[in-house]
Amino acid sequence: MKLNKMVSSDRSKSRKRHFSAPPTSGVASCLPLLSKELRTKYGVRSMPIRKDDEVQVVRGHYKGQQVGKVVQCYRSKFRIYIERIQREKANGATVNVGIHPARSPLSS
């Protein structure tokens, strides 16, 4: 049941607004959770992610690997690139794999 008449519940409209949002609103979508030590230290659950932050992937194909540094933060695509998480292309070149920030909590 729709609660607010001013907001559309149409899936395609919400996806359109999500992906065509300005880059400044991408900061809010790139808020990964903090590790338990950092959560008690700062008193918040999440912080904006930046280059050179250390994260660990906890969901998906690349989960369980050791902690890696963020090489690039692509806010318009809602992806971060971590230094040790790469794949090999068909021509033999290695490229970083984009991971959603919600799948990788900040560790330091």
C-alpha atoms as a PDB file:
ATOM      1  CA  MET A   1       0.000   0.000   0.000  1.00  0.00           C
ATOM      2  CA  LYS A   2       1.297   3.409  -0.933  1.00  0.00           C
ATOM      3  CA  LEU A   3       1.684   5.737   2.047  1.00  0.00           C
ATOM      4  CA  ASN A   4       2.810   9.006   0.476  1.00  0.00           C
ATOM      5  CA  LYS A   5       0.909  10.308  -2.558  1.00  0.00           C
ATOM      6  CA  MET A   6       3.741  12.679  -3.489  1.00  0.00           C
ATOM      7  CA  VAL A   7       6.288   9.883  -4.043  1.00  0.00           C
ATOM      8  CA  SER A   8       6.050   7.382  -6.878  1.00  0.00           C
ATOM      9  CA  SER A   9       6.375   3.683  -6.102  1.00  0.00           C
ATOM     10  CA  ASP A  10       7.057   2.803  -9.742  1.00  0.00           C
ATOM     11  CA  ARG A  11      10.258   0.743 -10.000  1.00  0.00           C
ATOM     12  CA  SER A  12      11.413   2.239 -13.284  1.00  0.00           C
ATOM     13  CA  LYS A  13      10.941   5.790 -12.010  1.00  0.00           C
ATOM     14  CA  SER A  14      12.880   5.115  -8.819  1.00  0.00           C
ATOM     15  CA  ARG A  15      15.714   3.469 -10.798  1.00  0.00           C
ATOM     16  CA  LYS A  16      15.802   6.424 -13.176  1.00  0.00           C
ATOM     17  CA  ARG A  17      16.070   8.889 -10.289  1.00  0.00           C
ATOM     18  CA  HIS A  18      18.705   6.759  -8.582  1.00  0.00           C
ATOM     19  CA  PHE A  19      21.008   6.456 -11.595  1.00  0.00           C
ATOM     20  CA  SER A  20      20.489   9.974 -12.957  1.00  0.00           C
ATOM     21  CA  ALA A  21      21.069  11.638  -9.583  1.00  0.00           C
ATOM     22  CA  PRO A  22      23.795  14.314  -9.428  1.00  0.00           C
ATOM     23  CA  PRO A  23      27.268  13.184  -8.292  1.00  0.00           C
ATOM     24  CA  THR A  24      26.944  15.094  -5.022  1.00  0.00           C
ATOM     25  CA  SER A  25      24.151  12.742  -3.973  1.00  0.00           C
ATOM     26  CA  GLY A  26      26.462   9.804  -4.734  1.00  0.00           C
ATOM     27  CA  VAL A  27      28.231  10.512  -1.476  1.00  0.00           C
ATOM     28  CA  ALA A  28      25.198   9.262   0.406  1.00  0.00           C
ATOM     29  CA  SER A  29      25.074   6.049  -1.598  1.00  0.00           C
ATOM     30  CA  CYS A  30      28.797   5.376  -1.047  1.00  0.00           C
ATOM     31  CA  LEU A  31      28.488   5.002   2.716  1.00  0.00           C
ATOM     32  CA  PRO A  32      29.850   1.612   3.772  1.00  0.00           C
ATOM     33  CA  LEU A  33      29.479   0.383   7.321  1.00  0.00           C
ATOM     34  CA  LEU A  34      32.376   0.689   9.710  1.00  0.00           C
ATOM     35  CA  SER A  35      34.092  -2.214  11.427  1.00  0.00           C
ATOM     36  CA  LYS A  36      33.167  -2.818  15.066  1.00  0.00           C
ATOM     37  CA  GLU A  37      36.342  -1.174  16.406  1.00  0.00           C
ATOM     38  CA  LEU A  38      35.814   1.975  14.321  1.00  0.00           C
ATOM     39  CA  ARG A  39      32.121   2.039  15.201  1.00  0.00           C
ATOM     40  CA  THR A  40      32.926   2.242  18.910  1.00  0.00           C
ATOM     41  CA  LYS A  41      35.759   4.717  18.290  1.00  0.00           C
ATOM     42  CA  TYR A  42      33.740   7.250  16.252  1.00  0.00           C
ATOM     43  CA  GLY A  43      30.225   6.529  17.503  1.00  0.00           C
ATOM     44  CA  VAL A  44      28.690   6.286  13.999  1.00  0.00           C
ATOM     45  CA  ARG A  45      27.673   3.338  11.817  1.00  0.00           C
ATOM     46  CA  SER A  46      28.936   4.591   8.455  1.00  0.00           C
ATOM     47  CA  MET A  47      31.216   7.182   6.846  1.00  0.00           C
ATOM     48  CA  PRO A  48      31.874   8.329   3.267  1.00  0.00           C
ATOM     49  CA  ILE A  49      34.505   6.191   1.572  1.00  0.00           C
ATOM     50  CA  ARG A  50      37.659   7.779   0.130  1.00  0.00           C
ATOM     51  CA  LYS A  51      40.741   6.771  -1.779  1.00  0.00           C
ATOM     52  CA  ASP A  52      43.407   5.026   0.392  1.00  0.00           C
ATOM     53  CA  ASP A  53      40.828   3.735   2.904  1.00  0.00           C
ATOM     54  CA  GLU A  54      41.250   0.090   3.888  1.00  0.00           C
ATOM     55  CA  VAL A  55      38.282  -2.198   3.254  1.00  0.00           C
ATOM     56  CA  GLN A  56      37.496  -5.900   3.281  1.00  0.00           C
ATOM     57  CA  VAL A  57      34.933  -7.466   0.944  1.00  0.00           C
ATOM     58  CA  VAL A  58      32.348  -9.494   2.887  1.00  0.00           C
ATOM     59  CA  ARG A  59      29.807 -10.331   0.161  1.00  0.00           C
ATOM     60  CA  GLY A  60      29.946 -11.716  -3.358  1.00  0.00           C
ATOM     61  CA  HIS A  61      32.562 -13.573  -5.395  1.00  0.00           C
ATOM     62  CA  TYR A  62      35.576 -11.790  -3.874  1.00  0.00           C
ATOM     63  CA  LYS A  63      34.595 -12.115  -0.199  1.00  0.00           C
ATOM     64  CA  GLY A  64      37.003 -13.319   2.448  1.00  0.00           C
ATOM     65  CA  GLN A  65      40.158 -11.937   0.864  1.00  0.00           C
ATOM     66  CA  GLN A  66      42.522  -9.896   2.994  1.00  0.00           C
ATOM     67  CA  VAL A  67      42.147  -6.191   3.606  1.00  0.00           C
ATOM     68  CA  GLY A  68      42.951  -3.980   0.611  1.00  0.00           C
ATOM     69  CA  LYS A  69      43.270  -0.275  -0.101  1.00  0.00           C
ATOM     70  CA  VAL A  70      40.740   1.628  -2.189  1.00  0.00           C
ATOM     71  CA  VAL A  71      42.429   2.610  -5.460  1.00  0.00           C
ATOM     72  CA  GLN A  72      39.517   4.562  -6.958  1.00  0.00           C
ATOM     73  CA  CYS A  73      36.051   5.640  -5.862  1.00  0.00           C
ATOM     74  CA  TYR A  74      33.686   5.953  -8.827  1.00  0.00           C
ATOM     75  CA  ARG A  75      30.673   7.725  -7.317  1.00  0.00           C
ATOM     76  CA  SER A  76      28.585   8.003 -10.489  1.00  0.00           C
ATOM     77  CA  LYS A  77      28.730   4.216 -10.967  1.00  0.00           C
ATOM     78  CA  PHE A  78      28.413   3.481  -7.205  1.00  0.00           C
ATOM     79  CA  ARG A  79      31.598   1.358  -7.321  1.00  0.00           C
ATOM     80  CA  ILE A  80      34.940   1.240  -5.553  1.00  0.00           C
ATOM     81  CA  TYR A  81      38.102  -0.388  -6.869  1.00  0.00           C
ATOM     82  CA  ILE A  82      40.359  -2.249  -4.421  1.00  0.00           C
ATOM     83  CA  GLU A  83      44.043  -2.820  -5.096  1.00  0.00           C
ATOM     84  CA  ARG A  84      44.247  -6.631  -4.808  1.00  0.00           C
ATOM     85  CA  ILE A  85      40.910  -7.480  -6.405  1.00  0.00           C
ATOM     86  CA  GLN A  86      41.572  -7.848 -10.120  1.00  0.00           C
ATOM     87  CA  ARG A  87      40.607 -10.079 -12.997  1.00  0.00           C
ATOM     88  CA  GLU A  88      42.317 -10.976 -16.236  1.00  0.00           C
ATOM     89  CA  LYS A  89      40.882  -9.831 -19.541  1.00  0.00           C
ATOM     90  CA  ALA A  90      40.834 -11.932 -22.704  1.00  0.00           C
ATOM     91  CA  ASN A  91      43.948 -10.183 -24.041  1.00  0.00           C
ATOM     92  CA  GLY A  92      45.897 -10.940 -20.831  1.00  0.00           C
ATOM     93  CA  ALA A  93      45.688  -7.494 -19.238  1.00  0.00           C
ATOM     94  CA  THR A  94      44.579  -7.241 -15.606  1.00  0.00           C
ATOM     95  CA  VAL A  95      41.891  -4.764 -14.553  1.00  0.00           C
ATOM     96  CA  ASN A  96      40.451  -3.833 -11.187  1.00  0.00           C
ATOM     97  CA  VAL A  97      36.968  -5.135 -10.431  1.00  0.00           C
ATOM     98  CA  GLY A  98      34.302  -2.654  -9.331  1.00  0.00           C
ATOM     99  CA  ILE A  99      32.600  -3.508  -6.038  1.00  0.00           C
ATOM    100  CA  HIS A 100      29.616  -1.806  -4.430  1.00  0.00           C
ATOM    101  CA  PRO A 101      30.620  -0.005  -1.210  1.00  0.00           C
ATOM    102  CA  ALA A 102      27.862  -1.694   0.802  1.00  0.00           C
ATOM    103  CA  ARG A 103      29.654  -5.035   0.267  1.00  0.00           C
ATOM    104  CA  SER A 104      32.894  -3.855   1.870  1.00  0.00           C
ATOM    105  CA  PRO A 105      32.958  -2.298   5.347  1.00  0.00           C
ATOM    106  CA  LEU A 106      35.749   0.107   6.264  1.00  0.00           C
ATOM    107  CA  SER A 107      38.380  -1.474   8.462  1.00  0.00           C
ATOM    108  CA  SER A 108      40.712   1.479   8.990  1.00  0.00           C
END
